[in-house]
PDB file of all heavy atoms in Angstrom:
ATOM      1  N   ARG A   1    -130.375 -35.751 -14.964  1.00  0.00           N
ATOM      2  CA  ARG A   1    -129.606 -36.811 -15.620  1.00  0.00           C
ATOM      3  C   ARG A   1    -128.450 -37.256 -14.732  1.00  0.00           C
ATOM      4  O   ARG A   1    -127.881 -36.454 -13.985  1.00  0.00           O
ATOM      5  CB  ARG A   1    -129.051 -36.329 -16.971  1.00  0.00           C
ATOM      6  CG  ARG A   1    -130.125 -36.034 -18.004  1.00  0.00           C
ATOM      7  CD  ARG A   1    -129.491 -35.571 -19.312  1.00  0.00           C
ATOM      8  NE  ARG A   1    -130.486 -35.434 -20.368  1.00  0.00           N
ATOM      9  CZ  ARG A   1    -131.164 -34.332 -20.622  1.00  0.00           C
ATOM     10  NH1 ARG A   1    -130.954 -33.258 -19.878  1.00  0.00           N
ATOM     11  NH2 ARG A   1    -132.051 -34.294 -21.595  1.00  0.00           N
ATOM     12  N   THR A   2    -128.106 -38.517 -14.860  1.00  0.00           N
ATOM     13  CA  THR A   2    -126.948 -39.043 -14.149  1.00  0.00           C
ATOM     14  C   THR A   2    -125.693 -38.487 -14.807  1.00  0.00           C
ATOM     15  O   THR A   2    -125.530 -38.565 -16.021  1.00  0.00           O
ATOM     16  CB  THR A   2    -126.934 -40.578 -14.207  1.00  0.00           C
ATOM     17  OG1 THR A   2    -128.167 -41.062 -13.669  1.00  0.00           O
ATOM     18  CG2 THR A   2    -125.765 -41.143 -13.440  1.00  0.00           C
ATOM     19  N   THR A   3    -124.811 -37.926 -13.991  1.00  0.00           N
ATOM     20  CA  THR A   3    -123.621 -37.269 -14.537  1.00  0.00           C
ATOM     21  C   THR A   3    -122.377 -37.751 -13.814  1.00  0.00           C
ATOM     22  O   THR A   3    -122.349 -37.808 -12.570  1.00  0.00           O
ATOM     23  CB  THR A   3    -123.718 -35.736 -14.397  1.00  0.00           C
ATOM     24  OG1 THR A   3    -124.953 -35.287 -14.968  1.00  0.00           O
ATOM     25  CG2 THR A   3    -122.552 -35.055 -15.083  1.00  0.00           C
ATOM     26  N   ILE A   4    -121.359 -38.081 -14.590  1.00  0.00           N
ATOM     27  CA  ILE A   4    -120.045 -38.420 -14.030  1.00  0.00           C
ATOM     28  C   ILE A   4    -119.046 -37.439 -14.606  1.00  0.00           C
ATOM     29  O   ILE A   4    -118.928 -37.299 -15.826  1.00  0.00           O
ATOM     30  CB  ILE A   4    -119.635 -39.865 -14.364  1.00  0.00           C
ATOM     31  CG1 ILE A   4    -120.673 -40.849 -13.807  1.00  0.00           C
ATOM     32  CG2 ILE A   4    -118.258 -40.186 -13.793  1.00  0.00           C
ATOM     33  CD1 ILE A   4    -120.365 -42.297 -14.109  1.00  0.00           C
ATOM     34  N   VAL A   5    -118.342 -36.749 -13.714  1.00  0.00           N
ATOM     35  CA  VAL A   5    -117.443 -35.679 -14.126  1.00  0.00           C
ATOM     36  C   VAL A   5    -116.016 -36.035 -13.746  1.00  0.00           C
ATOM     37  O   VAL A   5    -115.741 -36.424 -12.606  1.00  0.00           O
ATOM     38  CB  VAL A   5    -117.824 -34.348 -13.440  1.00  0.00           C
ATOM     39  CG1 VAL A   5    -116.932 -33.216 -13.936  1.00  0.00           C
ATOM     40  CG2 VAL A   5    -119.282 -34.021 -13.664  1.00  0.00           C
ATOM     41  N   VAL A   6    -115.118 -35.919 -14.710  1.00  0.00           N
ATOM     42  CA  VAL A   6    -113.686 -35.978 -14.416  1.00  0.00           C
ATOM     43  C   VAL A   6    -113.206 -34.549 -14.354  1.00  0.00           C
ATOM     44  O   VAL A   6    -113.373 -33.788 -15.316  1.00  0.00           O
ATOM     45  CB  VAL A   6    -112.913 -36.762 -15.497  1.00  0.00           C
ATOM     46  CG1 VAL A   6    -111.407 -36.604 -15.304  1.00  0.00           C
ATOM     47  CG2 VAL A   6    -113.294 -38.224 -15.454  1.00  0.00           C
ATOM     48  N   ALA A   7    -112.632 -34.152 -13.223  1.00  0.00           N
ATOM     49  CA  ALA A   7    -112.282 -32.747 -13.040  1.00  0.00           C
ATOM     50  C   ALA A   7    -110.866 -32.602 -12.519  1.00  0.00           C
ATOM     51  O   ALA A   7    -110.394 -33.387 -11.686  1.00  0.00           O
ATOM     52  CB  ALA A   7    -113.262 -32.083 -12.084  1.00  0.00           C
ATOM     53  N   HIS A   8    -110.208 -31.597 -13.035  1.00  0.00           N
ATOM     54  CA  HIS A   8    -108.900 -31.205 -12.502  1.00  0.00           C
ATOM     55  C   HIS A   8    -109.062 -29.948 -11.647  1.00  0.00           C
ATOM     56  O   HIS A   8    -108.455 -29.820 -10.594  1.00  0.00           O
ATOM     57  CB  HIS A   8    -107.926 -30.933 -13.656  1.00  0.00           C
ATOM     58  CG  HIS A   8    -106.643 -30.310 -13.201  1.00  0.00           C
ATOM     59  ND1 HIS A   8    -105.695 -31.006 -12.484  1.00  0.00           N
ATOM     60  CD2 HIS A   8    -106.162 -29.049 -13.353  1.00  0.00           C
ATOM     61  CE1 HIS A   8    -104.671 -30.203 -12.215  1.00  0.00           C
ATOM     62  NE2 HIS A   8    -104.931 -29.015 -12.718  1.00  0.00           N
ATOM     63  N   ARG A   9    -109.927 -29.046 -12.103  1.00  0.00           N
ATOM     64  CA  ARG A   9    -110.196 -27.814 -11.369  1.00  0.00           C
ATOM     65  C   ARG A   9    -111.294 -28.109 -10.352  1.00  0.00           C
ATOM     66  O   ARG A   9    -112.460 -28.288 -10.712  1.00  0.00           O
ATOM     67  CB  ARG A   9    -110.611 -26.724 -12.351  1.00  0.00           C
ATOM     68  CG  ARG A   9    -110.501 -25.325 -11.799  1.00  0.00           C
ATOM     69  CD  ARG A   9    -110.882 -24.303 -12.857  1.00  0.00           C
ATOM     70  NE  ARG A   9    -110.018 -24.368 -14.024  1.00  0.00           N
ATOM     71  CZ  ARG A   9    -110.223 -23.652 -15.115  1.00  0.00           C
ATOM     72  NH1 ARG A   9    -111.277 -22.860 -15.208  1.00  0.00           N
ATOM     73  NH2 ARG A   9    -109.387 -23.752 -16.131  1.00  0.00           N
ATOM     74  N   LEU A  10    -110.916 -28.182  -9.105  1.00  0.00           N
ATOM     75  CA  LEU A  10    -111.847 -28.635  -8.065  1.00  0.00           C
ATOM     76  C   LEU A  10    -113.000 -27.667  -7.845  1.00  0.00           C
ATOM     77  O   LEU A  10    -114.066 -28.061  -7.350  1.00  0.00           O
ATOM     78  CB  LEU A  10    -111.091 -28.847  -6.746  1.00  0.00           C
ATOM     79  CG  LEU A  10    -109.946 -29.873  -6.801  1.00  0.00           C
ATOM     80  CD1 LEU A  10    -109.332 -30.056  -5.419  1.00  0.00           C
ATOM     81  CD2 LEU A  10    -110.452 -31.214  -7.327  1.00  0.00           C
ATOM     82  N   SER A  11    -112.813 -26.401  -8.202  1.00  0.00           N
ATOM     83  CA  SER A  11    -113.882 -25.427  -7.991  1.00  0.00           C
ATOM     84  C   SER A  11    -115.117 -25.743  -8.823  1.00  0.00           C
ATOM     85  O   SER A  11    -116.211 -25.265  -8.521  1.00  0.00           O
ATOM     86  CB  SER A  11    -113.381 -24.021  -8.343  1.00  0.00           C
ATOM     87  OG  SER A  11    -112.953 -23.968  -9.703  1.00  0.00           O
ATOM     88  N   THR A  12    -114.972 -26.557  -9.856  1.00  0.00           N
ATOM     89  CA  THR A  12    -116.103 -26.876 -10.735  1.00  0.00           C
ATOM     90  C   THR A  12    -116.966 -28.010 -10.193  1.00  0.00           C
ATOM     91  O   THR A  12    -118.019 -28.289 -10.750  1.00  0.00           O
ATOM     92  CB  THR A  12    -115.595 -27.268 -12.134  1.00  0.00           C
ATOM     93  OG1 THR A  12    -114.808 -28.459 -12.034  1.00  0.00           O
ATOM     94  CG2 THR A  12    -114.759 -26.155 -12.748  1.00  0.00           C
ATOM     95  N   ILE A  13    -116.533 -28.685  -9.141  1.00  0.00           N
ATOM     96  CA  ILE A  13    -117.265 -29.878  -8.681  1.00  0.00           C
ATOM     97  C   ILE A  13    -117.692 -29.783  -7.226  1.00  0.00           C
ATOM     98  O   ILE A  13    -118.120 -30.784  -6.633  1.00  0.00           O
ATOM     99  CB  ILE A  13    -116.400 -31.140  -8.865  1.00  0.00           C
ATOM    100  CG1 ILE A  13    -115.071 -30.972  -8.122  1.00  0.00           C
ATOM    101  CG2 ILE A  13    -116.169 -31.433 -10.332  1.00  0.00           C
ATOM    102  CD1 ILE A  13    -114.412 -32.255  -7.736  1.00  0.00           C
ATOM    103  N   ILE A  14    -117.599 -28.598  -6.639  1.00  0.00           N
ATOM    104  CA  ILE A  14    -117.906 -28.500  -5.199  1.00  0.00           C
ATOM    105  C   ILE A  14    -119.375 -28.812  -4.916  1.00  0.00           C
ATOM    106  O   ILE A  14    -119.737 -29.184  -3.791  1.00  0.00           O
ATOM    107  CB  ILE A  14    -117.542 -27.098  -4.649  1.00  0.00           C
ATOM    108  CG1 ILE A  14    -118.255 -26.010  -5.442  1.00  0.00           C
ATOM    109  CG2 ILE A  14    -116.043 -26.888  -4.672  1.00  0.00           C
ATOM    110  CD1 ILE A  14    -117.978 -24.596  -4.921  1.00  0.00           C
ATOM    111  N   ALA A  15    -120.244 -28.687  -5.934  1.00  0.00           N
ATOM    112  CA  ALA A  15    -121.671 -28.961  -5.723  1.00  0.00           C
ATOM    113  C   ALA A  15    -122.036 -30.404  -6.047  1.00  0.00           C
ATOM    114  O   ALA A  15    -123.221 -30.767  -6.012  1.00  0.00           O
ATOM    115  CB  ALA A  15    -122.511 -28.019  -6.572  1.00  0.00           C
ATOM    116  N   SER A  16    -121.072 -31.238  -6.367  1.00  0.00           N
ATOM    117  CA  SER A  16    -121.349 -32.628  -6.735  1.00  0.00           C
ATOM    118  C   SER A  16    -121.942 -33.394  -5.563  1.00  0.00           C
ATOM    119  O   SER A  16    -121.625 -33.145  -4.394  1.00  0.00           O
ATOM    120  CB  SER A  16    -120.061 -33.314  -7.193  1.00  0.00           C
ATOM    121  OG  SER A  16    -119.521 -32.673  -8.330  1.00  0.00           O
ATOM    122  N   ASP A  17    -122.808 -34.359  -5.886  1.00  0.00           N
ATOM    123  CA  ASP A  17    -123.425 -35.183  -4.837  1.00  0.00           C
ATOM    124  C   ASP A  17    -122.408 -36.112  -4.198  1.00  0.00           C
ATOM    125  O   ASP A  17    -122.541 -36.486  -3.032  1.00  0.00           O
ATOM    126  CB  ASP A  17    -124.562 -36.010  -5.441  1.00  0.00           C
ATOM    127  CG  ASP A  17    -125.657 -35.127  -6.015  1.00  0.00           C
ATOM    128  OD1 ASP A  17    -126.313 -34.428  -5.222  1.00  0.00           O
ATOM    129  OD2 ASP A  17    -125.837 -35.121  -7.250  1.00  0.00           O
ATOM    130  N   LEU A  18    -121.404 -36.503  -4.963  1.00  0.00           N
ATOM    131  CA  LEU A  18    -120.378 -37.407  -4.440  1.00  0.00           C
ATOM    132  C   LEU A  18    -119.076 -37.135  -5.179  1.00  0.00           C
ATOM    133  O   LEU A  18    -119.074 -36.981  -6.408  1.00  0.00           O
ATOM    134  CB  LEU A  18    -120.796 -38.869  -4.634  1.00  0.00           C
ATOM    135  CG  LEU A  18    -119.798 -39.945  -4.183  1.00  0.00           C
ATOM    136  CD1 LEU A  18    -119.599 -39.892  -2.664  1.00  0.00           C
ATOM    137  CD2 LEU A  18    -120.273 -41.333  -4.607  1.00  0.00           C
ATOM    138  N   ILE A  19    -117.976 -37.064  -4.450  1.00  0.00           N
ATOM    139  CA  ILE A  19    -116.654 -36.874  -5.039  1.00  0.00           C
ATOM    140  C   ILE A  19    -115.801 -38.078  -4.675  1.00  0.00           C
ATOM    141  O   ILE A  19    -115.710 -38.449  -3.489  1.00  0.00           O
ATOM    142  CB  ILE A  19    -115.990 -35.573  -4.543  1.00  0.00           C
ATOM    143  CG1 ILE A  19    -116.858 -34.365  -4.889  1.00  0.00           C
ATOM    144  CG2 ILE A  19    -114.590 -35.427  -5.141  1.00  0.00           C
ATOM    145  CD1 ILE A  19    -116.349 -33.049  -4.307  1.00  0.00           C
ATOM    146  N   LEU A  20    -115.217 -38.705  -5.689  1.00  0.00           N
ATOM    147  CA  LEU A  20    -114.365 -39.872  -5.474  1.00  0.00           C
ATOM    148  C   LEU A  20    -112.913 -39.481  -5.743  1.00  0.00           C
ATOM    149  O   LEU A  20    -112.597 -38.936  -6.804  1.00  0.00           O
ATOM    150  CB  LEU A  20    -114.770 -41.015  -6.410  1.00  0.00           C
ATOM    151  CG  LEU A  20    -116.230 -41.466  -6.351  1.00  0.00           C
ATOM    152  CD1 LEU A  20    -116.492 -42.543  -7.404  1.00  0.00           C
ATOM    153  CD2 LEU A  20    -116.581 -41.986  -4.961  1.00  0.00           C
ATOM    154  N   ILE A  21    -112.039 -39.753  -4.819  1.00  0.00           N
ATOM    155  CA  ILE A  21    -110.616 -39.449  -4.969  1.00  0.00           C
ATOM    156  C   ILE A  21    -109.897 -40.751  -5.325  1.00  0.00           C
ATOM    157  O   ILE A  21    -109.918 -41.718  -4.554  1.00  0.00           O
ATOM    158  CB  ILE A  21    -110.017 -38.867  -3.673  1.00  0.00           C
ATOM    159  CG1 ILE A  21    -110.940 -37.800  -3.087  1.00  0.00           C
ATOM    160  CG2 ILE A  21    -108.624 -38.321  -3.949  1.00  0.00           C
ATOM    161  CD1 ILE A  21    -111.233 -36.665  -4.023  1.00  0.00           C
ATOM    162  N   LEU A  22    -109.273 -40.754  -6.507  1.00  0.00           N
ATOM    163  CA  LEU A  22    -108.556 -41.942  -6.952  1.00  0.00           C
ATOM    164  C   LEU A  22    -107.056 -41.744  -6.808  1.00  0.00           C
ATOM    165  O   LEU A  22    -106.517 -40.658  -7.082  1.00  0.00           O
ATOM    166  CB  LEU A  22    -108.872 -42.265  -8.419  1.00  0.00           C
ATOM    167  CG  LEU A  22    -110.219 -42.946  -8.683  1.00  0.00           C
ATOM    168  CD1 LEU A  22    -111.303 -41.893  -8.882  1.00  0.00           C
ATOM    169  CD2 LEU A  22    -110.154 -43.852  -9.886  1.00  0.00           C
ATOM    170  N   HIS A  23    -106.400 -42.804  -6.384  1.00  0.00           N
ATOM    171  CA  HIS A  23    -104.943 -42.789  -6.265  1.00  0.00           C
ATOM    172  C   HIS A  23    -104.421 -44.173  -6.626  1.00  0.00           C
ATOM    173  O   HIS A  23    -104.789 -45.171  -5.998  1.00  0.00           O
ATOM    174  CB  HIS A  23    -104.526 -42.416  -4.835  1.00  0.00           C
ATOM    175  CG  HIS A  23    -103.031 -42.368  -4.648  1.00  0.00           C
ATOM    176  ND1 HIS A  23    -102.246 -41.408  -5.243  1.00  0.00           N
ATOM    177  CD2 HIS A  23    -102.194 -43.184  -3.940  1.00  0.00           C
ATOM    178  CE1 HIS A  23    -100.980 -41.625  -4.912  1.00  0.00           C
ATOM    179  NE2 HIS A  23    -100.921 -42.695  -4.116  1.00  0.00           N
ATOM    180  N   GLU A  24    -103.618 -44.218  -7.687  1.00  0.00           N
ATOM    181  CA  GLU A  24    -103.045 -45.478  -8.169  1.00  0.00           C
ATOM    182  C   GLU A  24    -104.121 -46.542  -8.400  1.00  0.00           C
ATOM    183  O   GLU A  24    -103.963 -47.709  -8.030  1.00  0.00           O
ATOM    184  CB  GLU A  24    -101.978 -45.997  -7.204  1.00  0.00           C
ATOM    185  CG  GLU A  24    -100.771 -45.073  -7.103  1.00  0.00           C
ATOM    186  CD  GLU A  24     -99.689 -45.633  -6.204  1.00  0.00           C
ATOM    187  OE1 GLU A  24     -99.943 -46.671  -5.528  1.00  0.00           O
ATOM    188  OE2 GLU A  24     -98.600 -45.044  -6.158  1.00  0.00           O
ATOM    189  N   GLY A  25    -105.229 -46.114  -9.014  1.00  0.00           N
ATOM    190  CA  GLY A  25    -106.261 -47.056  -9.418  1.00  0.00           C
ATOM    191  C   GLY A  25    -107.225 -47.474  -8.335  1.00  0.00           C
ATOM    192  O   GLY A  25    -108.044 -48.371  -8.560  1.00  0.00           O
ATOM    193  N   GLN A  26    -107.168 -46.836  -7.183  1.00  0.00           N
ATOM    194  CA  GLN A  26    -108.081 -47.189  -6.093  1.00  0.00           C
ATOM    195  C   GLN A  26    -108.774 -45.936  -5.571  1.00  0.00           C
ATOM    196  O   GLN A  26    -108.215 -44.836  -5.617  1.00  0.00           O
ATOM    197  CB  GLN A  26    -107.316 -47.862  -4.943  1.00  0.00           C
ATOM    198  CG  GLN A  26    -106.716 -49.212  -5.312  1.00  0.00           C
ATOM    199  CD  GLN A  26    -105.966 -49.832  -4.145  1.00  0.00           C
ATOM    200  OE1 GLN A  26    -105.179 -49.157  -3.496  1.00  0.00           O
ATOM    201  NE2 GLN A  26    -106.215 -51.098  -3.879  1.00  0.00           N
ATOM    202  N   ILE A  27    -109.991 -46.120  -5.069  1.00  0.00           N
ATOM    203  CA  ILE A  27    -110.712 -45.014  -4.442  1.00  0.00           C
ATOM    204  C   ILE A  27    -110.243 -44.914  -3.001  1.00  0.00           C
ATOM    205  O   ILE A  27    -110.494 -45.807  -2.183  1.00  0.00           O
ATOM    206  CB  ILE A  27    -112.236 -45.237  -4.508  1.00  0.00           C
ATOM    207  CG1 ILE A  27    -112.705 -45.306  -5.971  1.00  0.00           C
ATOM    208  CG2 ILE A  27    -112.967 -44.112  -3.771  1.00  0.00           C
ATOM    209  CD1 ILE A  27    -114.179 -45.600  -6.126  1.00  0.00           C
ATOM    210  N   VAL A  28    -109.554 -43.824  -2.704  1.00  0.00           N
ATOM    211  CA  VAL A  28    -108.984 -43.684  -1.355  1.00  0.00           C
ATOM    212  C   VAL A  28    -109.829 -42.774  -0.470  1.00  0.00           C
ATOM    213  O   VAL A  28    -109.725 -42.830   0.765  1.00  0.00           O
ATOM    214  CB  VAL A  28    -107.537 -43.155  -1.440  1.00  0.00           C
ATOM    215  CG1 VAL A  28    -106.637 -44.183  -2.106  1.00  0.00           C
ATOM    216  CG2 VAL A  28    -107.471 -41.831  -2.209  1.00  0.00           C
ATOM    217  N   GLU A  29    -110.649 -41.911  -1.088  1.00  0.00           N
ATOM    218  CA  GLU A  29    -111.544 -41.048  -0.323  1.00  0.00           C
ATOM    219  C   GLU A  29    -112.834 -40.878  -1.106  1.00  0.00           C
ATOM    220  O   GLU A  29    -112.829 -40.899  -2.334  1.00  0.00           O
ATOM    221  CB  GLU A  29    -110.917 -39.658  -0.072  1.00  0.00           C
ATOM    222  CG  GLU A  29    -109.660 -39.679   0.769  1.00  0.00           C
ATOM    223  CD  GLU A  29    -109.046 -38.301   0.929  1.00  0.00           C
ATOM    224  OE1 GLU A  29    -109.721 -37.304   0.554  1.00  0.00           O
ATOM    225  OE2 GLU A  29    -107.903 -38.193   1.393  1.00  0.00           O
ATOM    226  N   ARG A  30    -113.930 -40.693  -0.384  1.00  0.00           N
ATOM    227  CA  ARG A  30    -115.207 -40.413  -1.031  1.00  0.00           C
ATOM    228  C   ARG A  30    -116.086 -39.608  -0.094  1.00  0.00           C
ATOM    229  O   ARG A  30    -116.025 -39.764   1.132  1.00  0.00           O
ATOM    230  CB  ARG A  30    -115.898 -41.694  -1.482  1.00  0.00           C
ATOM    231  CG  ARG A  30    -116.356 -42.612  -0.376  1.00  0.00           C
ATOM    232  CD  ARG A  30    -117.101 -43.812  -0.955  1.00  0.00           C
ATOM    233  NE  ARG A  30    -116.197 -44.758  -1.623  1.00  0.00           N
ATOM    234  CZ  ARG A  30    -116.579 -45.622  -2.546  1.00  0.00           C
ATOM    235  NH1 ARG A  30    -117.841 -45.642  -2.952  1.00  0.00           N
ATOM    236  NH2 ARG A  30    -115.715 -46.456  -3.068  1.00  0.00           N
ATOM    237  N   GLY A  31    -116.905 -38.730  -0.676  1.00  0.00           N
ATOM    238  CA  GLY A  31    -117.798 -37.901   0.125  1.00  0.00           C
ATOM    239  C   GLY A  31    -118.105 -36.610  -0.603  1.00  0.00           C
ATOM    240  O   GLY A  31    -117.669 -36.390  -1.734  1.00  0.00           O
ATOM    241  N   ARG A  32    -118.851 -35.725   0.053  1.00  0.00           N
ATOM    242  CA  ARG A  32    -119.138 -34.426  -0.514  1.00  0.00           C
ATOM    243  C   ARG A  32    -117.961 -33.494  -0.244  1.00  0.00           C
ATOM    244  O   ARG A  32    -117.032 -33.823   0.494  1.00  0.00           O
ATOM    245  CB  ARG A  32    -120.428 -33.855   0.065  1.00  0.00           C
ATOM    246  CG  ARG A  32    -121.674 -34.683  -0.294  1.00  0.00           C
ATOM    247  CD  ARG A  32    -122.920 -34.077   0.337  1.00  0.00           C
ATOM    248  NE  ARG A  32    -123.172 -32.736  -0.187  1.00  0.00           N
ATOM    249  CZ  ARG A  32    -123.863 -32.485  -1.308  1.00  0.00           C
ATOM    250  NH1 ARG A  32    -124.379 -33.490  -2.005  1.00  0.00           N
ATOM    251  NH2 ARG A  32    -124.043 -31.244  -1.710  1.00  0.00           N
ATOM    252  N   HIS A  33    -118.018 -32.319  -0.858  1.00  0.00           N
ATOM    253  CA  HIS A  33    -116.892 -31.382  -0.770  1.00  0.00           C
ATOM    254  C   HIS A  33    -116.549 -31.054   0.687  1.00  0.00           C
ATOM    255  O   HIS A  33    -115.379 -31.154   1.105  1.00  0.00           O
ATOM    256  CB  HIS A  33    -117.261 -30.104  -1.545  1.00  0.00           C
ATOM    257  CG  HIS A  33    -116.264 -28.998  -1.411  1.00  0.00           C
ATOM    258  ND1 HIS A  33    -115.015 -29.044  -1.979  1.00  0.00           N
ATOM    259  CD2 HIS A  33    -116.348 -27.792  -0.741  1.00  0.00           C
ATOM    260  CE1 HIS A  33    -114.356 -27.930  -1.688  1.00  0.00           C
ATOM    261  NE2 HIS A  33    -115.151 -27.152  -0.945  1.00  0.00           N
TER     262      HIS A  33
END
């Protein structure tokens, strides 16, 4: 299933296919862990 995760604890998302870093409403970084 397609999954979108909002996470504060980064250890829970290290296996994600893509991680998006948001800052002030913009994506400033993207990639795998």
